[in-house]
Amino acid sequence: MSFESEKPFNDFTHFARGIRRSGDFTIKESNLLEECGTAMMELYKGTRKPKTEEEKVFVEQITSDEVITDKNAKIFKKYLQVIQPRHLHRLCSNGTDEELNSNGYGSSSSDESALD
């Protein structure tokens, strides 16, 4: 059998309450990650060599930028995307009113007098 591992996969650094309770994965996906995730992570990091043809396909698809067709590779790629840090874009300013007005943001008294 492929993706055999002695222990279940848990990532408590990213999922403090467990993968199942994260809400990012379906029941089938979380079951597969918990059963085979340790072997998948070892294959991904290169600490384990692929033993079966299915594991070879997994390694090829995870490392390439092509379209992923293997279900195991799809789920593990989804896991990798979920644990990536999220970039937040905030629409706020740290500048003072004078800095904002000099850069053309906000209203100034000279703009109001030009309208009269």
Protein backbone atom coordinates (compact mmCIF):
# COMPACT_ATOMS: atom_id res chain seq x y z
CA MET A 1 0.00 0.00 0.00
CA SER A 2 1.27 3.48 -0.78
CA PHE A 3 1.66 6.40 1.64
CA GLU A 4 2.09 4.11 4.64
CA SER A 5 3.14 5.76 7.88
CA GLU A 6 3.35 4.61 11.47
CA LYS A 7 1.74 7.66 13.03
CA PRO A 8 -1.21 9.88 12.12
CA PHE A 9 -0.48 13.31 10.72
CA ASN A 10 -1.15 16.30 12.98
CA ASP A 11 -0.07 19.88 12.44
CA PHE A 12 -0.79 21.59 15.74
CA THR A 13 1.29 24.65 14.82
CA HIS A 14 -1.16 25.59 12.06
CA PHE A 15 -4.26 23.79 13.31
CA ALA A 16 -4.35 24.02 17.10
CA ARG A 17 -7.63 22.11 17.37
CA GLY A 18 -6.75 19.59 14.65
CA ILE A 19 -7.14 19.36 10.90
CA ARG A 20 -10.70 18.03 11.12
CA ARG A 21 -11.95 20.98 13.14
CA SER A 22 -10.21 23.65 11.06
CA GLY A 23 -13.04 24.02 8.55
CA ASP A 24 -10.57 24.21 5.65
CA PHE A 25 -10.96 20.60 4.54
CA THR A 26 -13.83 18.23 3.87
CA ILE A 27 -14.24 15.08 5.96
CA LYS A 28 -12.67 12.91 3.24
CA GLU A 29 -9.75 15.32 2.81
CA SER A 30 -9.07 15.52 6.54
CA ASN A 31 -9.25 11.71 6.84
CA LEU A 32 -6.76 11.29 4.01
CA LEU A 33 -4.41 13.91 5.48
CA GLU A 34 -4.53 12.31 8.92
CA GLU A 35 -3.89 8.82 7.53
CA CYS A 36 -1.30 9.61 4.85
CA GLY A 37 -0.09 13.12 5.67
CA THR A 38 3.08 12.02 7.43
CA ALA A 39 4.20 10.03 4.39
CA MET A 40 3.18 12.87 2.05
CA MET A 41 5.18 15.39 4.08
CA GLU A 42 8.24 13.12 4.07
CA LEU A 43 7.96 12.70 0.29
CA TYR A 44 7.51 16.44 -0.17
CA LYS A 45 10.55 17.29 1.97
CA GLY A 46 12.64 14.54 0.36
CA THR A 47 13.35 12.61 3.56
CA ARG A 48 11.61 9.55 2.11
CA LYS A 49 12.04 7.97 -1.31
CA PRO A 50 8.95 7.00 -3.31
CA LYS A 51 8.23 3.28 -2.95
CA THR A 52 5.34 2.84 -5.39
CA GLU A 53 4.33 4.32 -8.72
CA GLU A 54 1.57 6.30 -7.00
CA GLU A 55 4.14 7.96 -4.71
CA LYS A 56 6.36 8.78 -7.72
CA VAL A 57 3.43 10.49 -9.45
CA PHE A 58 2.69 12.39 -6.23
CA VAL A 59 6.26 13.72 -6.00
CA GLU A 60 6.33 14.70 -9.68
CA GLN A 61 3.04 16.60 -9.48
CA ILE A 62 3.77 18.35 -6.18
CA THR A 63 7.16 19.62 -7.36
CA SER A 64 6.00 20.75 -10.82
CA ASP A 65 3.89 23.76 -11.72
CA GLU A 66 1.71 21.77 -14.12
CA VAL A 67 -1.96 20.90 -13.59
CA ILE A 68 -2.38 18.36 -10.79
CA THR A 69 -4.48 15.32 -11.63
CA ASP A 70 -3.64 13.01 -8.69
CA LYS A 71 -6.17 13.30 -5.84
CA ASN A 72 -3.49 12.90 -3.15
CA ALA A 73 -1.37 15.64 -4.70
CA LYS A 74 -4.41 17.93 -4.97
CA ILE A 75 -5.26 17.56 -1.29
CA PHE A 76 -1.66 18.02 -0.16
CA LYS A 77 -1.28 21.09 -2.40
CA LYS A 78 -4.45 22.49 -0.81
CA TYR A 79 -2.90 21.85 2.62
CA LEU A 80 0.26 23.71 1.58
CA GLN A 81 -1.81 26.68 0.37
CA VAL A 82 -3.83 26.79 3.59
CA ILE A 83 -0.74 26.91 5.83
CA GLN A 84 0.93 29.70 3.84
CA PRO A 85 0.93 33.06 5.62
CA ARG A 86 -1.90 35.29 4.51
CA HIS A 87 -1.11 38.77 3.30
CA LEU A 88 -3.44 41.44 4.57
CA HIS A 89 -3.93 44.66 2.68
CA ARG A 90 -5.14 47.44 4.89
CA LEU A 91 -6.62 50.65 3.61
CA CYS A 92 -5.40 52.97 6.30
CA SER A 93 -2.87 55.74 6.52
CA ASN A 94 -0.19 56.50 9.05
CA GLY A 95 0.56 59.96 7.66
CA THR A 96 -0.37 63.26 9.26
CA ASP A 97 -2.95 65.61 7.74
CA GLU A 98 -0.18 67.82 6.37
CA GLU A 99 1.53 64.88 4.64
CA LEU A 100 -1.75 63.70 3.19
CA ASN A 101 -2.70 67.14 1.89
CA SER A 102 0.71 67.73 0.33
CA ASN A 103 0.43 64.42 -1.55
CA GLY A 104 -3.02 65.26 -2.91
CA TYR A 105 -5.07 63.19 -0.47
CA GLY A 106 -7.83 64.81 1.52
CA SER A 107 -9.15 68.32 1.18
CA SER A 108 -7.27 71.50 1.80
CA SER A 109 -8.35 75.10 2.15
CA SER A 110 -6.80 76.08 -1.20
CA ASP A 111 -8.98 73.54 -3.02
CA GLU A 112 -12.13 74.97 -1.45
CA SER A 113 -11.25 78.57 -2.42
CA ALA A 114 -10.65 77.54 -6.04
CA LEU A 115 -14.21 76.31 -6.31
CA ASP A 116 -15.71 79.71 -5.38
